[in-house]
Amino acid sequence: MARNAGFRLGIHVFRDAEVLDYASVAGVLSMARRFDPEIEVFLLAETLRPVQTQAGITVLPNYAFADLPAMDALLLPGGSGTRSEMHNRRLHDFIHALPADCLLASVGAGSWIFGRMGLLDGLPATNRKEPDRLEATHIGKTPIDRLAELAPACRVSRARVVDAGRVITASGIASGLELGLHLLRRAGYDEAFIADVARVMEYQRGYALYRDDIEYFQPAAQRNVVSPLTPPLTH
């Protein structure tokens, strides 16, 4: 599989974004940089002001929306802040303006934003399947069930990672590790490279356990073509 040089991932950070949702993916790509320094990961926000994410952890974005940084993929994390981001017109306009070959990825409730924008219509997607204490009560709702409510034209999947072509969703929190490794796969890195990254992370057992827990979606017009993987990015 041919690999494209210089894979760049932008991570949108916003108030009350879930820390592990964005840090897990960033951590995988940080490890991958030890093998290929052309890989880049950066934080992106509406402005260059500090952003307080969950647990009081404040981060400083590298770029603002207005900077229009070049990227091969955009990641939306989850967290309680997604409730406002679902209605953030500036974010939606930014996403709509991205090139068609820029992947759109999410962890956990980040897929709610894509669902609210209509980007999951006719596609499978996933979200966190295990509720917290409030979500488990009669006044709450498990995030994956909330996704089904927000995006009724989406086919909800219980896979850990769902690759629907341009849009890639991961189920929740720790699944960001699998998403990070899968983004390397979509960038054209071979399985030996990805296994090496998992090894240095001391995540060999986790990778072996979840490596095949990925649902690939093919449009009806392509289902007669046998392919184990969605094609890698092209520039």
C-alpha atoms as a PDB file:
ATOM      1  CA  MET A   1       0.000   0.000   0.000  1.00  0.00           C
ATOM      2  CA  ALA A   2       1.452   3.354  -0.989  1.00  0.00           C
ATOM      3  CA  ARG A   3       2.049   5.802   1.835  1.00  0.00           C
ATOM      4  CA  ASN A   4       1.614   9.558   1.638  1.00  0.00           C
ATOM      5  CA  ALA A   5       4.263  11.721   3.262  1.00  0.00           C
ATOM      6  CA  GLY A   6       3.481  14.207   5.977  1.00  0.00           C
ATOM      7  CA  PHE A   7       0.247  13.015   7.614  1.00  0.00           C
ATOM      8  CA  ARG A   8      -1.213  15.914   9.650  1.00  0.00           C
ATOM      9  CA  LEU A   9      -3.958  15.518  12.252  1.00  0.00           C
ATOM     10  CA  GLY A  10      -5.792  18.536  13.662  1.00  0.00           C
ATOM     11  CA  ILE A  11      -7.614  18.045  16.979  1.00  0.00           C
ATOM     12  CA  HIS A  12     -10.438  20.451  17.757  1.00  0.00           C
ATOM     13  CA  VAL A  13     -10.383  21.371  21.452  1.00  0.00           C
ATOM     14  CA  PHE A  14     -13.274  23.114  23.153  1.00  0.00           C
ATOM     15  CA  ARG A  15     -14.497  23.816  26.678  1.00  0.00           C
ATOM     16  CA  ASP A  16     -15.113  20.560  28.573  1.00  0.00           C
ATOM     17  CA  ALA A  17     -13.740  18.290  25.860  1.00  0.00           C
ATOM     18  CA  GLU A  18     -12.939  14.875  27.343  1.00  0.00           C
ATOM     19  CA  VAL A  19      -9.189  14.673  28.014  1.00  0.00           C
ATOM     20  CA  LEU A  20      -8.576  11.030  27.111  1.00  0.00           C
ATOM     21  CA  ASP A  21     -10.641  11.376  23.929  1.00  0.00           C
ATOM     22  CA  TYR A  22      -8.124  13.773  22.402  1.00  0.00           C
ATOM     23  CA  ALA A  23      -5.001  12.813  24.373  1.00  0.00           C
ATOM     24  CA  SER A  24      -5.195   9.122  23.434  1.00  0.00           C
ATOM     25  CA  VAL A  25      -5.201   9.838  19.703  1.00  0.00           C
ATOM     26  CA  ALA A  26      -2.511  12.502  20.078  1.00  0.00           C
ATOM     27  CA  GLY A  27      -0.416  10.071  22.124  1.00  0.00           C
ATOM     28  CA  VAL A  28      -0.527   7.401  19.423  1.00  0.00           C
ATOM     29  CA  LEU A  29       0.637   9.835  16.760  1.00  0.00           C
ATOM     30  CA  SER A  30       3.291  11.187  19.111  1.00  0.00           C
ATOM     31  CA  MET A  31       4.679   7.662  19.430  1.00  0.00           C
ATOM     32  CA  ALA A  32       4.438   7.178  15.663  1.00  0.00           C
ATOM     33  CA  ARG A  33       6.620  10.271  15.186  1.00  0.00           C
ATOM     34  CA  ARG A  34       9.492   8.295  16.725  1.00  0.00           C
ATOM     35  CA  PHE A  35       9.440   6.192  13.564  1.00  0.00           C
ATOM     36  CA  ASP A  36       8.390   8.899  11.110  1.00  0.00           C
ATOM     37  CA  PRO A  37       8.967  12.544  12.136  1.00  0.00           C
ATOM     38  CA  GLU A  38       6.873  13.712   9.145  1.00  0.00           C
ATOM     39  CA  ILE A  39       3.741  12.863  11.159  1.00  0.00           C
ATOM     40  CA  GLU A  40       2.246  15.949  12.820  1.00  0.00           C
ATOM     41  CA  VAL A  41      -0.523  16.460  15.364  1.00  0.00           C
ATOM     42  CA  PHE A  42      -1.771  19.834  16.548  1.00  0.00           C
ATOM     43  CA  LEU A  43      -4.585  21.445  18.539  1.00  0.00           C
ATOM     44  CA  LEU A  44      -7.147  23.654  16.867  1.00  0.00           C
ATOM     45  CA  ALA A  45      -9.782  25.966  18.369  1.00  0.00           C
ATOM     46  CA  GLU A  46     -11.994  28.887  17.433  1.00  0.00           C
ATOM     47  CA  THR A  47      -9.363  31.308  18.748  1.00  0.00           C
ATOM     48  CA  LEU A  48      -5.832  31.070  20.098  1.00  0.00           C
ATOM     49  CA  ARG A  49      -7.012  31.588  23.678  1.00  0.00           C
ATOM     50  CA  PRO A  50      -6.396  28.831  26.261  1.00  0.00           C
ATOM     51  CA  VAL A  51      -9.152  26.214  26.390  1.00  0.00           C
ATOM     52  CA  GLN A  52     -10.228  24.530  29.628  1.00  0.00           C
ATOM     53  CA  THR A  53     -11.089  20.915  28.903  1.00  0.00           C
ATOM     54  CA  GLN A  54     -12.428  18.326  31.368  1.00  0.00           C
ATOM     55  CA  ALA A  55     -10.876  17.929  34.830  1.00  0.00           C
ATOM     56  CA  GLY A  56      -9.685  21.540  34.736  1.00  0.00           C
ATOM     57  CA  ILE A  57      -6.912  20.742  32.262  1.00  0.00           C
ATOM     58  CA  THR A  58      -6.199  23.811  30.150  1.00  0.00           C
ATOM     59  CA  VAL A  59      -4.544  23.548  26.740  1.00  0.00           C
ATOM     60  CA  LEU A  60      -3.224  26.135  24.312  1.00  0.00           C
ATOM     61  CA  PRO A  61      -4.285  25.588  20.684  1.00  0.00           C
ATOM     62  CA  ASN A  62      -1.670  25.789  17.940  1.00  0.00           C
ATOM     63  CA  TYR A  63      -4.097  27.215  15.389  1.00  0.00           C
ATOM     64  CA  ALA A  64      -7.388  29.112  15.241  1.00  0.00           C
ATOM     65  CA  PHE A  65     -10.089  28.390  12.670  1.00  0.00           C
ATOM     66  CA  ALA A  66      -9.119  31.544  10.794  1.00  0.00           C
ATOM     67  CA  ASP A  67      -5.584  30.191  10.253  1.00  0.00           C
ATOM     68  CA  LEU A  68      -7.002  27.442   8.007  1.00  0.00           C
ATOM     69  CA  PRO A  69      -4.174  24.993   8.765  1.00  0.00           C
ATOM     70  CA  ALA A  70      -3.560  22.232   6.230  1.00  0.00           C
ATOM     71  CA  MET A  71      -4.535  18.823   7.581  1.00  0.00           C
ATOM     72  CA  ASP A  72      -5.246  15.311   6.392  1.00  0.00           C
ATOM     73  CA  ALA A  73      -7.716  14.563   9.192  1.00  0.00           C
ATOM     74  CA  LEU A  74      -9.753  16.455  11.778  1.00  0.00           C
ATOM     75  CA  LEU A  75     -10.606  14.882  15.136  1.00  0.00           C
ATOM     76  CA  LEU A  76     -13.574  15.842  17.298  1.00  0.00           C
ATOM     77  CA  PRO A  77     -13.357  14.516  20.878  1.00  0.00           C
ATOM     78  CA  GLY A  78     -16.370  13.981  23.106  1.00  0.00           C
ATOM     79  CA  GLY A  79     -17.107  15.273  26.581  1.00  0.00           C
ATOM     80  CA  SER A  80     -19.899  17.373  28.056  1.00  0.00           C
ATOM     81  CA  GLY A  81     -18.852  20.292  25.855  1.00  0.00           C
ATOM     82  CA  THR A  82     -20.177  18.530  22.769  1.00  0.00           C
ATOM     83  CA  ARG A  83     -23.675  19.664  23.768  1.00  0.00           C
ATOM     84  CA  SER A  84     -22.774  23.231  22.844  1.00  0.00           C
ATOM     85  CA  GLU A  85     -20.515  22.259  19.934  1.00  0.00           C
ATOM     86  CA  MET A  86     -23.492  20.585  18.259  1.00  0.00           C
ATOM     87  CA  HIS A  87     -24.873  24.106  17.810  1.00  0.00           C
ATOM     88  CA  ASN A  88     -21.573  25.880  17.104  1.00  0.00           C
ATOM     89  CA  ARG A  89     -22.123  27.399  13.669  1.00  0.00           C
ATOM     90  CA  ARG A  90     -18.476  28.505  13.397  1.00  0.00           C
ATOM     91  CA  LEU A  91     -17.307  24.926  13.880  1.00  0.00           C
ATOM     92  CA  HIS A  92     -19.866  23.594  11.405  1.00  0.00           C
ATOM     93  CA  ASP A  93     -18.848  26.157   8.785  1.00  0.00           C
ATOM     94  CA  PHE A  94     -15.190  25.273   9.328  1.00  0.00           C
ATOM     95  CA  ILE A  95     -15.892  21.569   8.816  1.00  0.00           C
ATOM     96  CA  HIS A  96     -18.009  22.173   5.717  1.00  0.00           C
ATOM     97  CA  ALA A  97     -15.150  24.222   4.209  1.00  0.00           C
ATOM     98  CA  LEU A  98     -12.553  21.470   4.625  1.00  0.00           C
ATOM     99  CA  PRO A  99     -11.327  19.735   1.456  1.00  0.00           C
ATOM    100  CA  ALA A 100     -13.256  16.604   0.529  1.00  0.00           C
ATOM    101  CA  ASP A 101     -10.161  14.443   1.051  1.00  0.00           C
ATOM    102  CA  CYS A 102      -9.752  15.543   4.682  1.00  0.00           C
ATOM    103  CA  LEU A 103     -10.867  12.709   6.949  1.00  0.00           C
ATOM    104  CA  LEU A 104     -13.391  13.490   9.698  1.00  0.00           C
ATOM    105  CA  ALA A 105     -12.841  11.471  12.873  1.00  0.00           C
ATOM    106  CA  SER A 106     -14.404  11.419  16.321  1.00  0.00           C
ATOM    107  CA  VAL A 107     -14.122   9.722  19.684  1.00  0.00           C
ATOM    108  CA  GLY A 108     -17.204   9.168  21.827  1.00  0.00           C
ATOM    109  CA  ALA A 109     -19.747  11.964  21.788  1.00  0.00           C
ATOM    110  CA  GLY A 110     -17.786  13.770  19.101  1.00  0.00           C
ATOM    111  CA  SER A 111     -19.921  11.804  16.650  1.00  0.00           C
ATOM    112  CA  TRP A 112     -22.965  13.690  17.969  1.00  0.00           C
ATOM    113  CA  ILE A 113     -21.608  16.779  16.231  1.00  0.00           C
ATOM    114  CA  PHE A 114     -21.291  14.971  12.897  1.00  0.00           C
ATOM    115  CA  GLY A 115     -24.769  13.538  13.426  1.00  0.00           C
ATOM    116  CA  ARG A 116     -26.267  16.929  14.159  1.00  0.00           C
ATOM    117  CA  MET A 117     -24.664  18.279  10.986  1.00  0.00           C
ATOM    118  CA  GLY A 118     -26.218  15.498   8.898  1.00  0.00           C
ATOM    119  CA  LEU A 119     -22.818  14.054   7.994  1.00  0.00           C
ATOM    120  CA  LEU A 120     -23.777  10.580   9.227  1.00  0.00           C
ATOM    121  CA  ASP A 121     -26.960  10.248   7.169  1.00  0.00           C
ATOM    122  CA  GLY A 122     -26.915   6.911   5.374  1.00  0.00           C
ATOM    123  CA  LEU A 123     -23.697   5.869   7.129  1.00  0.00           C
ATOM    124  CA  PRO A 124     -22.857   3.652  10.096  1.00  0.00           C
ATOM    125  CA  ALA A 125     -21.288   5.282  13.166  1.00  0.00           C
ATOM    126  CA  THR A 126     -20.599   4.439  16.784  1.00  0.00           C
ATOM    127  CA  ASN A 127     -20.391   6.051  20.203  1.00  0.00           C
ATOM    128  CA  ARG A 128     -19.749   5.119  23.817  1.00  0.00           C
ATOM    129  CA  LYS A 129     -21.781   2.067  24.829  1.00  0.00           C
ATOM    130  CA  GLU A 130     -21.268   2.095  28.601  1.00  0.00           C
ATOM    131  CA  PRO A 131     -23.244   4.691  30.632  1.00  0.00           C
ATOM    132  CA  ASP A 132     -21.987   6.678  33.596  1.00  0.00           C
ATOM    133  CA  ARG A 133     -24.122   6.948  36.747  1.00  0.00           C
ATOM    134  CA  LEU A 134     -26.357   9.727  35.447  1.00  0.00           C
ATOM    135  CA  GLU A 135     -26.702   8.205  31.980  1.00  0.00           C
ATOM    136  CA  ALA A 136     -27.804   4.928  33.583  1.00  0.00           C
ATOM    137  CA  THR A 137     -30.744   6.570  35.380  1.00  0.00           C
ATOM    138  CA  HIS A 138     -34.262   7.120  34.052  1.00  0.00           C
ATOM    139  CA  ILE A 139     -33.410  10.747  33.231  1.00  0.00           C
ATOM    140  CA  GLY A 140     -30.249   9.860  31.310  1.00  0.00           C
ATOM    141  CA  LYS A 141     -29.390   8.064  28.106  1.00  0.00           C
ATOM    142  CA  THR A 142     -26.387   6.014  26.985  1.00  0.00           C
ATOM    143  CA  PRO A 143     -24.378   8.038  24.437  1.00  0.00           C
ATOM    144  CA  ILE A 144     -24.824   5.485  21.657  1.00  0.00           C
ATOM    145  CA  ASP A 145     -28.606   5.680  22.140  1.00  0.00           C
ATOM    146  CA  ARG A 146     -28.397   9.477  22.094  1.00  0.00           C
ATOM    147  CA  LEU A 147     -26.582   9.234  18.753  1.00  0.00           C
ATOM    148  CA  ALA A 148     -29.484   7.201  17.344  1.00  0.00           C
ATOM    149  CA  GLU A 149     -31.854   9.917  18.529  1.00  0.00           C
ATOM    150  CA  LEU A 150     -29.788  12.806  17.146  1.00  0.00           C
ATOM    151  CA  ALA A 151     -29.105  11.153  13.780  1.00  0.00           C
ATOM    152  CA  PRO A 152     -32.076   8.940  12.877  1.00  0.00           C
ATOM    153  CA  ALA A 153     -30.745   8.470   9.319  1.00  0.00           C
ATOM    154  CA  CYS A 154     -27.500   7.001  10.708  1.00  0.00           C
ATOM    155  CA  ARG A 155     -27.109   3.255  11.235  1.00  0.00           C
ATOM    156  CA  VAL A 156     -25.734   2.920  14.744  1.00  0.00           C
ATOM    157  CA  SER A 157     -22.978   0.321  15.088  1.00  0.00           C
ATOM    158  CA  ARG A 158     -21.559  -1.283  18.226  1.00  0.00           C
ATOM    159  CA  ALA A 159     -18.106  -1.752  16.702  1.00  0.00           C
ATOM    160  CA  ARG A 160     -15.186  -0.140  18.521  1.00  0.00           C
ATOM    161  CA  VAL A 161     -14.216   1.789  15.373  1.00  0.00           C
ATOM    162  CA  VAL A 162     -16.395   2.412  12.316  1.00  0.00           C
ATOM    163  CA  ASP A 163     -14.708   3.436   9.063  1.00  0.00           C
ATOM    164  CA  ALA A 164     -17.396   4.830   6.773  1.00  0.00           C
ATOM    165  CA  GLY A 165     -14.989   6.273   4.241  1.00  0.00           C
ATOM    166  CA  ARG A 166     -14.424   9.935   4.945  1.00  0.00           C
ATOM    167  CA  VAL A 167     -16.009   9.742   8.410  1.00  0.00           C
ATOM    168  CA  ILE A 168     -14.408   7.516  11.051  1.00  0.00           C
ATOM    169  CA  THR A 169     -15.975   7.199  14.508  1.00  0.00           C
ATOM    170  CA  ALA A 170     -14.635   5.493  17.649  1.00  0.00           C
ATOM    171  CA  SER A 171     -16.871   4.268  20.425  1.00  0.00           C
ATOM    172  CA  GLY A 172     -15.581   5.972  23.529  1.00  0.00           C
ATOM    173  CA  ILE A 173     -12.632   7.304  25.523  1.00  0.00           C
ATOM    174  CA  ALA A 174      -9.993   4.513  25.452  1.00  0.00           C
ATOM    175  CA  SER A 175     -10.998   3.572  21.903  1.00  0.00           C
ATOM    176  CA  GLY A 176      -9.023   6.652  20.869  1.00  0.00           C
ATOM    177  CA  LEU A 177      -5.988   4.376  20.957  1.00  0.00           C
ATOM    178  CA  GLU A 178      -7.494   2.186  18.236  1.00  0.00           C
ATOM    179  CA  LEU A 179      -8.594   5.250  16.309  1.00  0.00           C
ATOM    180  CA  GLY A 180      -5.066   6.655  16.370  1.00  0.00           C
ATOM    181  CA  LEU A 181      -3.643   3.374  15.103  1.00  0.00           C
ATOM    182  CA  HIS A 182      -6.347   3.155  12.434  1.00  0.00           C
ATOM    183  CA  LEU A 183      -5.628   6.690  11.245  1.00  0.00           C
ATOM    184  CA  LEU A 184      -2.069   5.526  10.606  1.00  0.00           C
ATOM    185  CA  ARG A 185      -3.533   2.685   8.543  1.00  0.00           C
ATOM    186  CA  ARG A 186      -5.661   5.135   6.566  1.00  0.00           C
ATOM    187  CA  ALA A 187      -2.573   7.274   5.991  1.00  0.00           C
ATOM    188  CA  GLY A 188      -0.992   4.271   4.243  1.00  0.00           C
ATOM    189  CA  TYR A 189       1.355   2.943   6.932  1.00  0.00           C
ATOM    190  CA  ASP A 190       1.704  -0.831   6.812  1.00  0.00           C
ATOM    191  CA  GLU A 191       0.778  -3.278   9.559  1.00  0.00           C
ATOM    192  CA  ALA A 192       4.414  -3.740  10.595  1.00  0.00           C
ATOM    193  CA  PHE A 193       4.714   0.000  11.249  1.00  0.00           C
ATOM    194  CA  ILE A 194       1.462   0.078  13.251  1.00  0.00           C
ATOM    195  CA  ALA A 195       2.475  -3.001  15.264  1.00  0.00           C
ATOM    196  CA  ASP A 196       5.784  -1.293  16.054  1.00  0.00           C
ATOM    197  CA  VAL A 197       3.964   1.770  17.363  1.00  0.00           C
ATOM    198  CA  ALA A 198       1.727  -0.461  19.532  1.00  0.00           C
ATOM    199  CA  ARG A 199       4.827  -2.294  20.794  1.00  0.00           C
ATOM    200  CA  VAL A 200       6.600   0.880  21.899  1.00  0.00           C
ATOM    201  CA  MET A 201       3.377   1.933  23.644  1.00  0.00           C
ATOM    202  CA  GLU A 202       3.421  -1.507  25.382  1.00  0.00           C
ATOM    203  CA  TYR A 203      -0.038  -1.977  23.922  1.00  0.00           C
ATOM    204  CA  GLN A 204       0.543  -5.213  22.013  1.00  0.00           C
ATOM    205  CA  ARG A 205      -2.192  -7.139  23.850  1.00  0.00           C
ATOM    206  CA  GLY A 206      -4.729  -4.345  23.487  1.00  0.00           C
ATOM    207  CA  TYR A 207      -3.946  -3.987  19.805  1.00  0.00           C
ATOM    208  CA  ALA A 208      -4.284  -7.733  19.260  1.00  0.00           C
ATOM    209  CA  LEU A 209      -7.621  -7.714  21.094  1.00  0.00           C
ATOM    210  CA  TYR A 210      -9.182  -4.784  19.246  1.00  0.00           C
ATOM    211  CA  ARG A 211      -7.395  -4.767  15.883  1.00  0.00           C
ATOM    212  CA  ASP A 212     -10.274  -6.442  14.066  1.00  0.00           C
ATOM    213  CA  ASP A 213     -13.087  -4.694  15.951  1.00  0.00           C
ATOM    214  CA  ILE A 214     -13.533  -2.302  13.025  1.00  0.00           C
ATOM    215  CA  GLU A 215     -16.567  -2.057  10.783  1.00  0.00           C
ATOM    216  CA  TYR A 216     -15.835  -0.977   7.218  1.00  0.00           C
ATOM    217  CA  PHE A 217     -18.635   0.539   5.191  1.00  0.00           C
ATOM    218  CA  GLN A 218     -18.795   0.480   1.429  1.00  0.00           C
ATOM    219  CA  PRO A 219     -21.424   2.343  -0.613  1.00  0.00           C
ATOM    220  CA  ALA A 220     -23.747   0.075  -2.558  1.00  0.00           C
ATOM    221  CA  ALA A 221     -21.986   0.911  -5.833  1.00  0.00           C
ATOM    222  CA  GLN A 222     -18.700  -0.425  -4.451  1.00  0.00           C
ATOM    223  CA  ARG A 223     -19.894  -3.563  -2.684  1.00  0.00           C
ATOM    224  CA  ASN A 224     -19.043  -5.796  -5.635  1.00  0.00           C
ATOM    225  CA  VAL A 225     -15.390  -4.815  -5.269  1.00  0.00           C
ATOM    226  CA  VAL A 226     -13.599  -6.980  -2.716  1.00  0.00           C
ATOM    227  CA  SER A 227     -11.250  -4.881  -0.590  1.00  0.00           C
ATOM    228  CA  PRO A 228     -10.156  -5.541   3.014  1.00  0.00           C
ATOM    229  CA  LEU A 229      -9.479  -1.860   3.680  1.00  0.00           C
ATOM    230  CA  THR A 230     -10.859   1.497   2.694  1.00  0.00           C
ATOM    231  CA  PRO A 231      -8.307   3.077   0.329  1.00  0.00           C
ATOM    232  CA  PRO A 232      -5.673   5.306   1.960  1.00  0.00           C
ATOM    233  CA  LEU A 233      -5.658   9.067   1.710  1.00  0.00           C
ATOM    234  CA  THR A 234      -4.767  10.634  -1.594  1.00  0.00           C
ATOM    235  CA  HIS A 235      -3.537  14.171  -2.013  1.00  0.00           C
END
